[in-house]
Amino acid sequence: MHVRGLLVLFALVSVTDAYRLRRTADDDECVTECRAFVDNFQEDTCEPFRYRVPRPALYSRCTEAYSAATAAGCSYCSATAAKLAHITDSVFHYCDQWGRGHDRGYEQACKDGYLTSINHVKRFLKTSQYEPVQDDIVDSRPKDESNNPRRNTDDDDMVESAESIVQRHLNEARREAINDFEHRDRHDYRGL
């Protein structure tokens, strides 16, 4: 009886390992095909920024963001469906570096490149033969809902999101910098 149980356990582990090995090979193929597909659209996306002032900088911001988004997006080949829903979340964090202290066009070029790349990644993942990992395969432990406390949704309306807090602070800093710039004494300036 114990031998049969061990054989069943061994067979289950072997099937799981075989699935993981197949999945890894599929993931590598998926990432390679995804990058090849998405890279075809980079020139069309970033070309308009090539001729806008400041000339090489805007084009560079667009291509850098496009490449970063391609790498980040194509890594979702092995993502669960729940993770796939958050594929566009990092555009704010990636392009925020170009929103402060730079020309207005920098952040827009970054966002255009990033979001266009992510949209092409989504299109590839929808039309490809690769399926996202099922949520229950990733975590094979049984889901016990009784141990998970429910959040009080009444308090959610009063909680400010992290992005809105950051945006509020950025707007305050911008207003303060503009105010300081407008009220500076031109004769006391010790710059260049």
N, C-alpha and C. Protein backbone atom coordinates (compact mmCIF):
# COMPACT_ATOMS: atom_id res chain seq x y z
N MET A 1 0.82 -1.19 0.00
CA MET A 1 0.00 0.00 0.00
C MET A 1 0.87 1.26 0.00
N HIS A 2 1.93 1.25 0.81
CA HIS A 2 2.82 2.42 0.88
C HIS A 2 3.59 2.60 -0.42
N VAL A 3 3.95 1.48 -1.06
CA VAL A 3 4.71 1.54 -2.31
C VAL A 3 3.85 2.19 -3.39
N ARG A 4 2.58 1.83 -3.43
CA ARG A 4 1.69 2.41 -4.43
C ARG A 4 1.54 3.92 -4.21
N GLY A 5 1.42 4.33 -2.96
CA GLY A 5 1.32 5.76 -2.64
C GLY A 5 2.57 6.51 -3.06
N LEU A 6 3.74 5.89 -2.82
CA LEU A 6 5.00 6.51 -3.22
C LEU A 6 5.11 6.61 -4.74
N LEU A 7 4.64 5.58 -5.44
CA LEU A 7 4.67 5.62 -6.90
C LEU A 7 3.76 6.73 -7.45
N VAL A 8 2.60 6.87 -6.85
CA VAL A 8 1.68 7.93 -7.28
C VAL A 8 2.31 9.30 -7.02
N LEU A 9 2.93 9.47 -5.86
CA LEU A 9 3.59 10.72 -5.52
C LEU A 9 4.75 11.00 -6.49
N PHE A 10 5.54 9.97 -6.79
CA PHE A 10 6.65 10.11 -7.72
C PHE A 10 6.16 10.49 -9.11
N ALA A 11 5.07 9.86 -9.54
CA ALA A 11 4.50 10.16 -10.85
C ALA A 11 4.00 11.61 -10.90
N LEU A 12 3.38 12.06 -9.82
CA LEU A 12 2.88 13.43 -9.76
C LEU A 12 4.02 14.43 -9.83
N VAL A 13 5.09 14.16 -9.09
CA VAL A 13 6.26 15.05 -9.10
C VAL A 13 6.91 15.04 -10.48
N SER A 14 6.99 13.89 -11.11
CA SER A 14 7.59 13.79 -12.45
C SER A 14 6.78 14.58 -13.47
N VAL A 15 5.47 14.47 -13.41
CA VAL A 15 4.61 15.21 -14.33
C VAL A 15 4.77 16.71 -14.10
N THR A 16 4.83 17.12 -12.85
CA THR A 16 5.00 18.54 -12.53
C THR A 16 6.34 19.05 -13.05
N ASP A 17 7.42 18.28 -12.84
CA ASP A 17 8.73 18.68 -13.34
C ASP A 17 8.76 18.73 -14.86
N ALA A 18 8.13 17.77 -15.51
CA ALA A 18 8.08 17.77 -16.97
C ALA A 18 7.31 18.99 -17.47
N TYR A 19 6.24 19.32 -16.79
CA TYR A 19 5.46 20.50 -17.17
C TYR A 19 6.31 21.76 -17.03
N ARG A 20 7.05 21.87 -15.92
CA ARG A 20 7.91 23.04 -15.72
C ARG A 20 9.00 23.13 -16.77
N LEU A 21 9.62 22.00 -17.13
CA LEU A 21 10.66 22.01 -18.15
C LEU A 21 10.08 22.42 -19.51
N ARG A 22 8.91 21.87 -19.84
CA ARG A 22 8.27 22.23 -21.10
C ARG A 22 7.88 23.69 -21.08
N ARG A 23 7.39 24.13 -19.94
CA ARG A 23 6.96 25.52 -19.80
C ARG A 23 8.15 26.47 -19.97
N THR A 24 9.32 26.10 -19.40
CA THR A 24 10.52 26.93 -19.53
C THR A 24 10.93 27.05 -20.99
N ALA A 25 10.93 25.94 -21.71
CA ALA A 25 11.27 25.97 -23.13
C ALA A 25 10.25 26.81 -23.91
N ASP A 26 8.98 26.64 -23.59
CA ASP A 26 7.94 27.44 -24.23
C ASP A 26 8.11 28.92 -23.91
N ASP A 27 8.46 29.22 -22.66
CA ASP A 27 8.66 30.61 -22.26
C ASP A 27 9.80 31.25 -23.04
N ASP A 28 10.90 30.54 -23.20
CA ASP A 28 12.04 31.07 -23.96
C ASP A 28 11.64 31.34 -25.40
N GLU A 29 10.91 30.41 -26.00
CA GLU A 29 10.44 30.61 -27.38
C GLU A 29 9.47 31.78 -27.45
N CYS A 30 8.60 31.86 -26.48
CA CYS A 30 7.60 32.93 -26.44
C CYS A 30 8.29 34.29 -26.34
N VAL A 31 9.26 34.41 -25.44
CA VAL A 31 9.97 35.68 -25.27
C VAL A 31 10.69 36.07 -26.56
N THR A 32 11.34 35.11 -27.19
CA THR A 32 12.06 35.39 -28.44
C THR A 32 11.11 35.84 -29.53
N GLU A 33 10.00 35.13 -29.70
CA GLU A 33 9.02 35.50 -30.73
C GLU A 33 8.35 36.83 -30.41
N CYS A 34 8.09 37.06 -29.13
CA CYS A 34 7.47 38.31 -28.70
C CYS A 34 8.37 39.50 -29.05
N ARG A 35 9.65 39.38 -28.68
CA ARG A 35 10.59 40.48 -28.98
C ARG A 35 10.69 40.73 -30.48
N ALA A 36 10.75 39.66 -31.27
CA ALA A 36 10.85 39.81 -32.72
C ALA A 36 9.60 40.50 -33.28
N PHE A 37 8.43 40.12 -32.76
CA PHE A 37 7.18 40.73 -33.23
C PHE A 37 7.11 42.20 -32.86
N VAL A 38 7.39 42.52 -31.60
CA VAL A 38 7.24 43.89 -31.11
C VAL A 38 8.30 44.81 -31.70
N ASP A 39 9.50 44.32 -31.92
CA ASP A 39 10.57 45.15 -32.47
C ASP A 39 10.25 45.66 -33.87
N ASN A 40 9.37 44.98 -34.59
CA ASN A 40 8.99 45.42 -35.93
C ASN A 40 8.30 46.78 -35.94
N PHE A 41 7.73 47.20 -34.82
CA PHE A 41 6.94 48.42 -34.78
C PHE A 41 7.67 49.60 -34.14
N GLN A 42 8.88 49.39 -33.67
CA GLN A 42 9.59 50.46 -32.96
C GLN A 42 9.85 51.67 -33.85
N GLU A 43 10.29 51.46 -35.05
CA GLU A 43 10.62 52.58 -35.94
C GLU A 43 9.39 53.42 -36.24
N ASP A 44 8.25 52.78 -36.50
CA ASP A 44 7.02 53.52 -36.79
C ASP A 44 6.57 54.34 -35.58
N THR A 45 6.78 53.80 -34.40
CA THR A 45 6.35 54.47 -33.18
C THR A 45 7.22 55.68 -32.87
N CYS A 46 8.52 55.53 -32.95
CA CYS A 46 9.44 56.57 -32.50
C CYS A 46 9.89 57.52 -33.61
N GLU A 47 9.59 57.21 -34.85
CA GLU A 47 10.02 58.06 -35.97
C GLU A 47 9.55 59.50 -35.85
N PRO A 48 8.31 59.79 -35.44
CA PRO A 48 7.89 61.19 -35.32
C PRO A 48 8.74 61.99 -34.33
N PHE A 49 9.32 61.34 -33.33
CA PHE A 49 10.13 62.05 -32.34
C PHE A 49 11.54 62.34 -32.86
N ARG A 50 11.92 61.73 -33.94
CA ARG A 50 13.26 61.92 -34.49
C ARG A 50 13.45 63.35 -34.98
N TYR A 51 12.38 63.98 -35.43
CA TYR A 51 12.49 65.30 -36.04
C TYR A 51 11.95 66.42 -35.16
N ARG A 52 11.63 66.11 -33.92
CA ARG A 52 11.15 67.14 -33.00
C ARG A 52 12.29 67.61 -32.12
N VAL A 53 12.25 68.88 -31.74
CA VAL A 53 13.29 69.48 -30.90
C VAL A 53 12.94 69.20 -29.46
N PRO A 54 13.87 68.86 -28.62
CA PRO A 54 15.30 68.65 -28.84
C PRO A 54 15.53 67.34 -29.59
N ARG A 55 16.19 67.45 -30.71
CA ARG A 55 16.20 66.41 -31.73
C ARG A 55 16.65 65.03 -31.30
N PRO A 56 17.85 64.78 -30.96
CA PRO A 56 18.15 63.37 -30.70
C PRO A 56 17.57 62.88 -29.38
N ALA A 57 17.32 63.81 -28.46
CA ALA A 57 16.90 63.40 -27.12
C ALA A 57 15.51 62.76 -27.10
N LEU A 58 14.55 63.36 -27.78
CA LEU A 58 13.19 62.81 -27.75
C LEU A 58 13.13 61.44 -28.41
N TYR A 59 13.83 61.29 -29.51
CA TYR A 59 13.88 60.00 -30.19
C TYR A 59 14.53 58.95 -29.28
N SER A 60 15.59 59.35 -28.59
CA SER A 60 16.27 58.42 -27.67
C SER A 60 15.36 58.02 -26.52
N ARG A 61 14.60 58.97 -25.96
CA ARG A 61 13.68 58.64 -24.86
C ARG A 61 12.64 57.64 -25.34
N CYS A 62 12.13 57.84 -26.53
CA CYS A 62 11.11 56.95 -27.08
C CYS A 62 11.68 55.54 -27.29
N THR A 63 12.85 55.45 -27.91
CA THR A 63 13.42 54.12 -28.19
C THR A 63 13.84 53.41 -26.92
N GLU A 64 14.37 54.15 -25.94
CA GLU A 64 14.73 53.53 -24.66
C GLU A 64 13.49 52.97 -23.97
N ALA A 65 12.43 53.76 -23.93
CA ALA A 65 11.19 53.31 -23.28
C ALA A 65 10.59 52.13 -24.03
N TYR A 66 10.64 52.17 -25.35
CA TYR A 66 10.10 51.08 -26.16
C TYR A 66 10.86 49.78 -25.88
N SER A 67 12.18 49.88 -25.83
CA SER A 67 13.00 48.68 -25.56
C SER A 67 12.76 48.15 -24.15
N ALA A 68 12.69 49.06 -23.17
CA ALA A 68 12.44 48.62 -21.79
C ALA A 68 11.07 47.97 -21.66
N ALA A 69 10.07 48.54 -22.31
CA ALA A 69 8.72 47.97 -22.25
C ALA A 69 8.65 46.64 -22.97
N THR A 70 9.41 46.50 -24.05
CA THR A 70 9.44 45.22 -24.77
C THR A 70 10.01 44.14 -23.87
N ALA A 71 11.12 44.45 -23.20
CA ALA A 71 11.73 43.47 -22.30
C ALA A 71 10.79 43.13 -21.14
N ALA A 72 10.20 44.16 -20.55
CA ALA A 72 9.29 43.93 -19.42
C ALA A 72 8.02 43.22 -19.88
N GLY A 73 7.46 43.63 -20.99
CA GLY A 73 6.21 43.04 -21.46
C GLY A 73 6.35 41.61 -21.93
N CYS A 74 7.43 41.32 -22.65
CA CYS A 74 7.62 39.95 -23.16
C CYS A 74 7.92 38.97 -22.03
N SER A 75 8.34 39.47 -20.88
CA SER A 75 8.54 38.57 -19.75
C SER A 75 7.21 38.08 -19.19
N TYR A 76 6.11 38.65 -19.64
CA TYR A 76 4.78 38.21 -19.21
C TYR A 76 4.33 36.95 -19.93
N CYS A 77 5.17 36.40 -20.78
CA CYS A 77 4.83 35.13 -21.43
C CYS A 77 4.53 34.05 -20.40
N SER A 78 5.23 34.09 -19.27
CA SER A 78 5.04 33.08 -18.24
C SER A 78 4.19 33.60 -17.09
N ALA A 79 3.53 34.72 -17.27
CA ALA A 79 2.74 35.31 -16.19
C ALA A 79 1.38 34.64 -16.08
N THR A 80 0.84 34.72 -14.89
CA THR A 80 -0.52 34.24 -14.69
C THR A 80 -1.48 35.28 -15.27
N ALA A 81 -2.70 34.88 -15.43
CA ALA A 81 -3.70 35.80 -15.97
C ALA A 81 -3.88 37.01 -15.05
N ALA A 82 -3.77 36.80 -13.74
CA ALA A 82 -3.90 37.90 -12.79
C ALA A 82 -2.75 38.90 -12.94
N LYS A 83 -1.54 38.40 -13.14
CA LYS A 83 -0.39 39.29 -13.33
C LYS A 83 -0.47 40.00 -14.67
N LEU A 84 -1.01 39.34 -15.65
CA LEU A 84 -1.12 39.91 -16.98
C LEU A 84 -2.02 41.15 -16.99
N ALA A 85 -2.95 41.21 -16.06
CA ALA A 85 -3.83 42.36 -15.97
C ALA A 85 -3.08 43.63 -15.57
N HIS A 86 -1.90 43.48 -14.96
CA HIS A 86 -1.12 44.63 -14.48
C HIS A 86 0.05 44.96 -15.39
N ILE A 87 -0.03 44.61 -16.65
CA ILE A 87 1.11 44.77 -17.56
C ILE A 87 1.46 46.25 -17.80
N THR A 88 0.49 47.15 -17.72
CA THR A 88 0.77 48.56 -17.99
C THR A 88 1.11 49.37 -16.74
N ASP A 89 1.13 48.75 -15.59
CA ASP A 89 1.32 49.50 -14.35
C ASP A 89 2.65 50.24 -14.25
N SER A 90 3.70 49.73 -14.86
CA SER A 90 5.02 50.32 -14.64
C SER A 90 5.32 51.51 -15.55
N VAL A 91 4.42 51.90 -16.43
CA VAL A 91 4.70 53.05 -17.30
C VAL A 91 4.86 54.32 -16.47
N PHE A 92 4.07 54.48 -15.43
CA PHE A 92 4.16 55.66 -14.58
C PHE A 92 5.53 55.73 -13.93
N HIS A 93 5.97 54.61 -13.38
CA HIS A 93 7.25 54.60 -12.68
C HIS A 93 8.43 54.75 -13.63
N TYR A 94 8.35 54.15 -14.79
CA TYR A 94 9.47 54.23 -15.72
C TYR A 94 9.60 55.64 -16.30
N CYS A 95 8.51 56.24 -16.70
CA CYS A 95 8.56 57.54 -17.39
C CYS A 95 8.54 58.73 -16.44
N ASP A 96 8.34 58.51 -15.17
CA ASP A 96 8.33 59.61 -14.21
C ASP A 96 9.68 60.32 -14.17
N GLN A 97 10.76 59.61 -14.43
CA GLN A 97 12.09 60.22 -14.40
C GLN A 97 12.23 61.34 -15.44
N TRP A 98 11.42 61.32 -16.47
CA TRP A 98 11.50 62.34 -17.52
C TRP A 98 10.45 63.42 -17.34
N GLY A 99 9.65 63.34 -16.31
CA GLY A 99 8.62 64.34 -16.08
C GLY A 99 9.08 65.52 -15.26
N ARG A 100 10.12 65.34 -14.48
CA ARG A 100 10.60 66.41 -13.60
C ARG A 100 11.92 66.97 -14.12
N GLY A 101 11.97 68.27 -14.31
CA GLY A 101 13.21 68.93 -14.67
C GLY A 101 13.63 68.79 -16.12
N HIS A 102 12.78 68.24 -16.95
CA HIS A 102 13.10 68.08 -18.37
C HIS A 102 12.03 68.77 -19.20
N ASP A 103 12.30 68.90 -20.48
CA ASP A 103 11.30 69.47 -21.38
C ASP A 103 10.02 68.64 -21.33
N ARG A 104 8.92 69.28 -21.64
CA ARG A 104 7.63 68.59 -21.59
C ARG A 104 7.56 67.38 -22.51
N GLY A 105 8.25 67.44 -23.62
CA GLY A 105 8.18 66.36 -24.59
C GLY A 105 8.85 65.08 -24.16
N TYR A 106 9.77 65.14 -23.19
CA TYR A 106 10.50 63.95 -22.76
C TYR A 106 9.57 62.89 -22.20
N GLU A 107 8.71 63.32 -21.28
CA GLU A 107 7.81 62.36 -20.64
C GLU A 107 6.81 61.80 -21.65
N GLN A 108 6.33 62.66 -22.55
CA GLN A 108 5.36 62.20 -23.55
C GLN A 108 6.00 61.20 -24.52
N ALA A 109 7.23 61.47 -24.93
CA ALA A 109 7.93 60.53 -25.82
C ALA A 109 8.14 59.20 -25.12
N CYS A 110 8.48 59.25 -23.84
CA CYS A 110 8.67 58.04 -23.05
C CYS A 110 7.36 57.25 -22.96
N LYS A 111 6.29 57.93 -22.60
CA LYS A 111 5.00 57.24 -22.44
C LYS A 111 4.49 56.68 -23.76
N ASP A 112 4.66 57.44 -24.84
CA ASP A 112 4.21 56.94 -26.14
C ASP A 112 4.97 55.67 -26.52
N GLY A 113 6.29 55.69 -26.35
CA GLY A 113 7.09 54.51 -26.68
C GLY A 113 6.74 53.32 -25.80
N TYR A 114 6.60 53.57 -24.50
CA TYR A 114 6.33 52.49 -23.54
C TYR A 114 4.96 51.87 -23.79
N LEU A 115 3.94 52.71 -23.86
CA LEU A 115 2.57 52.18 -24.00
C LEU A 115 2.34 51.51 -25.35
N THR A 116 2.95 52.05 -26.41
CA THR A 116 2.80 51.42 -27.72
C THR A 116 3.44 50.03 -27.72
N SER A 117 4.60 49.93 -27.10
CA SER A 117 5.26 48.62 -27.01
C SER A 117 4.40 47.64 -26.23
N ILE A 118 3.87 48.07 -25.10
CA ILE A 118 3.03 47.20 -24.27
C ILE A 118 1.78 46.78 -25.04
N ASN A 119 1.20 47.68 -25.81
CA ASN A 119 0.02 47.32 -26.61
C ASN A 119 0.36 46.27 -27.66
N HIS A 120 1.54 46.36 -28.26
CA HIS A 120 1.96 45.34 -29.23
C HIS A 120 2.24 44.01 -28.52
N VAL A 121 2.79 44.08 -27.31
CA VAL A 121 3.01 42.85 -26.53
C VAL A 121 1.67 42.18 -26.23
N LYS A 122 0.69 42.97 -25.81
CA LYS A 122 -0.65 42.42 -25.53
C LYS A 122 -1.23 41.77 -26.79
N ARG A 123 -1.07 42.45 -27.91
CA ARG A 123 -1.58 41.90 -29.17
C ARG A 123 -0.89 40.58 -29.50
N PHE A 124 0.42 40.52 -29.27
CA PHE A 124 1.14 39.27 -29.52
C PHE A 124 0.64 38.16 -28.60
N LEU A 125 0.50 38.47 -27.32
CA LEU A 125 0.08 37.44 -26.36
C LEU A 125 -1.34 36.95 -26.65
N LYS A 126 -2.21 37.83 -27.14
CA LYS A 126 -3.58 37.41 -27.47
C LYS A 126 -3.62 36.51 -28.70
N THR A 127 -2.77 36.81 -29.69
CA THR A 127 -2.83 36.06 -30.94
C THR A 127 -1.86 34.88 -30.99
N SER A 128 -1.00 34.77 -30.01
CA SER A 128 0.00 33.70 -30.05
C SER A 128 -0.59 32.39 -29.55
N GLN A 129 0.17 31.34 -29.75
CA GLN A 129 -0.25 30.01 -29.31
C GLN A 129 0.06 29.78 -27.84
N TYR A 130 0.79 30.70 -27.23
CA TYR A 130 1.20 30.51 -25.84
C TYR A 130 0.09 30.97 -24.91
N GLU A 131 -0.22 30.12 -23.96
CA GLU A 131 -1.28 30.42 -23.02
C GLU A 131 -0.65 30.86 -21.71
N PRO A 132 -1.27 31.81 -21.01
CA PRO A 132 -0.73 32.21 -19.72
C PRO A 132 -0.85 31.06 -18.72
N VAL A 133 0.03 31.06 -17.75
CA VAL A 133 0.00 30.03 -16.71
C VAL A 133 -1.30 30.17 -15.93
N GLN A 134 -1.92 29.05 -15.65
CA GLN A 134 -3.15 29.09 -14.86
C GLN A 134 -2.80 29.45 -13.42
N ASP A 135 -3.65 30.26 -12.79
CA ASP A 135 -3.39 30.71 -11.43
C ASP A 135 -3.26 29.56 -10.45
N ASP A 136 -4.05 28.49 -10.62
CA ASP A 136 -4.01 27.38 -9.67
C ASP A 136 -2.80 26.48 -9.89
N ILE A 137 -2.16 26.53 -11.05
CA ILE A 137 -0.97 25.71 -11.27
C ILE A 137 0.23 26.32 -10.56
N VAL A 138 0.29 27.64 -10.53
CA VAL A 138 1.41 28.31 -9.89
C VAL A 138 1.43 28.03 -8.40
N ASP A 139 0.28 28.08 -7.77
CA ASP A 139 0.20 27.82 -6.35
C ASP A 139 -0.68 26.59 -6.17
N SER A 140 -0.05 25.43 -5.99
CA SER A 140 -0.81 24.19 -5.94
C SER A 140 -1.45 23.94 -4.58
N ARG A 141 -1.15 24.81 -3.60
CA ARG A 141 -1.78 24.64 -2.30
C ARG A 141 -3.27 24.96 -2.42
N PRO A 142 -4.09 24.25 -1.66
CA PRO A 142 -5.52 24.55 -1.75
C PRO A 142 -5.80 25.94 -1.21
N LYS A 143 -6.74 26.61 -1.84
CA LYS A 143 -7.11 27.95 -1.44
C LYS A 143 -8.08 27.85 -0.27
N ASP A 144 -7.68 28.38 0.86
CA ASP A 144 -8.53 28.37 2.04
C ASP A 144 -9.03 29.80 2.25
N GLU A 145 -10.23 30.05 1.86
CA GLU A 145 -10.80 31.39 1.94
C GLU A 145 -11.13 31.79 3.37
N SER A 146 -11.31 30.83 4.26
CA SER A 146 -11.73 31.16 5.62
C SER A 146 -10.63 31.87 6.41
N ASN A 147 -9.37 31.67 6.06
CA ASN A 147 -8.28 32.32 6.79
C ASN A 147 -7.98 33.72 6.28
N ASN A 148 -8.51 34.09 5.14
CA ASN A 148 -8.24 35.40 4.57
C ASN A 148 -9.26 36.40 5.08
N PRO A 149 -8.83 37.36 5.88
CA PRO A 149 -9.80 38.36 6.35
C PRO A 149 -10.23 39.26 5.20
N ARG A 150 -11.48 39.61 5.18
CA ARG A 150 -12.01 40.49 4.13
C ARG A 150 -11.69 41.94 4.50
N ARG A 151 -11.34 42.73 3.48
CA ARG A 151 -11.09 44.14 3.72
C ARG A 151 -12.41 44.88 3.85
N ASN A 152 -12.40 45.89 4.65
CA ASN A 152 -13.56 46.73 4.78
C ASN A 152 -13.58 47.70 3.61
N THR A 153 -14.49 47.53 2.69
CA THR A 153 -14.51 48.34 1.48
C THR A 153 -15.03 49.74 1.74
N ASP A 154 -15.65 50.00 2.89
CA ASP A 154 -16.12 51.35 3.19
C ASP A 154 -14.95 52.31 3.36
N ASP A 155 -13.82 51.81 3.88
CA ASP A 155 -12.65 52.65 4.11
C ASP A 155 -11.86 52.90 2.84
N ASP A 156 -12.08 52.12 1.79
CA ASP A 156 -11.30 52.25 0.56
C ASP A 156 -11.51 53.60 -0.11
N ASP A 157 -12.70 54.18 0.05
CA ASP A 157 -12.97 55.47 -0.58
C ASP A 157 -12.16 56.59 0.05
N MET A 158 -11.80 56.44 1.33
CA MET A 158 -11.06 57.48 2.03
C MET A 158 -9.55 57.34 1.86
N VAL A 159 -9.07 56.22 1.35
CA VAL A 159 -7.64 55.98 1.20
C VAL A 159 -7.18 56.53 -0.14
N GLU A 160 -6.11 57.33 -0.09
CA GLU A 160 -5.55 57.91 -1.31
C GLU A 160 -4.55 56.94 -1.91
N SER A 161 -4.58 56.75 -3.20
CA SER A 161 -3.67 55.81 -3.84
C SER A 161 -2.25 56.35 -3.82
N ALA A 162 -1.28 55.45 -3.92
CA ALA A 162 0.13 55.85 -3.90
C ALA A 162 0.45 56.76 -5.08
N GLU A 163 -0.10 56.45 -6.24
CA GLU A 163 0.17 57.27 -7.42
C GLU A 163 -0.38 58.68 -7.26
N SER A 164 -1.57 58.81 -6.66
CA SER A 164 -2.13 60.15 -6.49
C SER A 164 -1.35 60.94 -5.44
N ILE A 165 -0.81 60.28 -4.43
CA ILE A 165 0.03 60.95 -3.44
C ILE A 165 1.29 61.47 -4.11
N VAL A 166 1.92 60.62 -4.90
CA VAL A 166 3.14 61.02 -5.60
C VAL A 166 2.83 62.16 -6.56
N GLN A 167 1.74 62.06 -7.29
CA GLN A 167 1.38 63.10 -8.25
C GLN A 167 1.10 64.41 -7.53
N ARG A 168 0.44 64.36 -6.38
CA ARG A 168 0.15 65.58 -5.61
C ARG A 168 1.45 66.24 -5.18
N HIS A 169 2.41 65.44 -4.68
CA HIS A 169 3.69 66.00 -4.25
C HIS A 169 4.48 66.55 -5.44
N LEU A 170 4.42 65.90 -6.57
CA LEU A 170 5.10 66.41 -7.76
C LEU A 170 4.51 67.75 -8.20
N ASN A 171 3.19 67.85 -8.17
CA ASN A 171 2.55 69.11 -8.55
C ASN A 171 2.91 70.23 -7.59
N GLU A 172 2.96 69.93 -6.28
CA GLU A 172 3.37 70.94 -5.30
C GLU A 172 4.81 71.39 -5.54
N ALA A 173 5.69 70.44 -5.81
CA ALA A 173 7.10 70.78 -6.06
C ALA A 173 7.23 71.61 -7.34
N ARG A 174 6.47 71.28 -8.37
CA ARG A 174 6.51 72.07 -9.60
C ARG A 174 6.03 73.50 -9.37
N ARG A 175 4.91 73.64 -8.63
CA ARG A 175 4.40 74.98 -8.34
C ARG A 175 5.42 75.79 -7.55
N GLU A 176 6.06 75.15 -6.57
CA GLU A 176 7.06 75.83 -5.77
C GLU A 176 8.27 76.24 -6.61
N ALA A 177 8.71 75.37 -7.50
CA ALA A 177 9.86 75.69 -8.36
C ALA A 177 9.52 76.84 -9.31
N ILE A 178 8.32 76.83 -9.86
CA ILE A 178 7.90 77.92 -10.75
C ILE A 178 7.81 79.22 -9.98
N ASN A 179 7.26 79.17 -8.78
CA ASN A 179 7.15 80.35 -7.94
C ASN A 179 8.54 80.89 -7.59
N ASP A 180 9.46 80.03 -7.20
CA ASP A 180 10.82 80.46 -6.89
C ASP A 180 11.49 81.07 -8.11
N PHE A 181 11.28 80.49 -9.27
CA PHE A 181 11.89 80.99 -10.50
C PHE A 181 11.34 82.38 -10.84
N GLU A 182 10.04 82.56 -10.69
CA GLU A 182 9.43 83.84 -11.03
C GLU A 182 9.81 84.95 -10.06
N HIS A 183 10.11 84.60 -8.81
CA HIS A 183 10.41 85.61 -7.79
C HIS A 183 11.89 85.73 -7.47
N ARG A 184 12.73 85.14 -8.26
CA ARG A 184 14.16 85.22 -7.97
C ARG A 184 14.67 86.62 -8.29
N ASP A 185 15.72 87.00 -7.63
CA ASP A 185 16.36 88.28 -7.90
C ASP A 185 17.43 88.05 -8.95
N ARG A 186 17.26 88.62 -10.10
CA ARG A 186 18.16 88.37 -11.21
C ARG A 186 19.58 88.85 -10.93
N HIS A 187 19.75 89.83 -10.07
CA HIS A 187 21.09 90.36 -9.79
C HIS A 187 21.86 89.50 -8.81
N ASP A 188 21.17 88.71 -8.00
CA ASP A 188 21.85 87.86 -7.02
C ASP A 188 22.11 86.46 -7.56
N TYR A 189 21.77 86.24 -8.78
CA TYR A 189 21.93 84.90 -9.35
C TYR A 189 23.40 84.60 -9.59
N ARG A 190 23.86 83.50 -9.03
CA ARG A 190 25.26 83.10 -9.17
C ARG A 190 25.34 81.77 -9.90
N GLY A 191 24.86 81.77 -11.06
CA GLY A 191 24.90 80.56 -11.87
C GLY A 191 26.10 80.57 -12.77
N LEU A 192 26.00 79.93 -13.84
CA LEU A 192 27.03 79.80 -14.85
C LEU A 192 28.06 80.84 -14.68
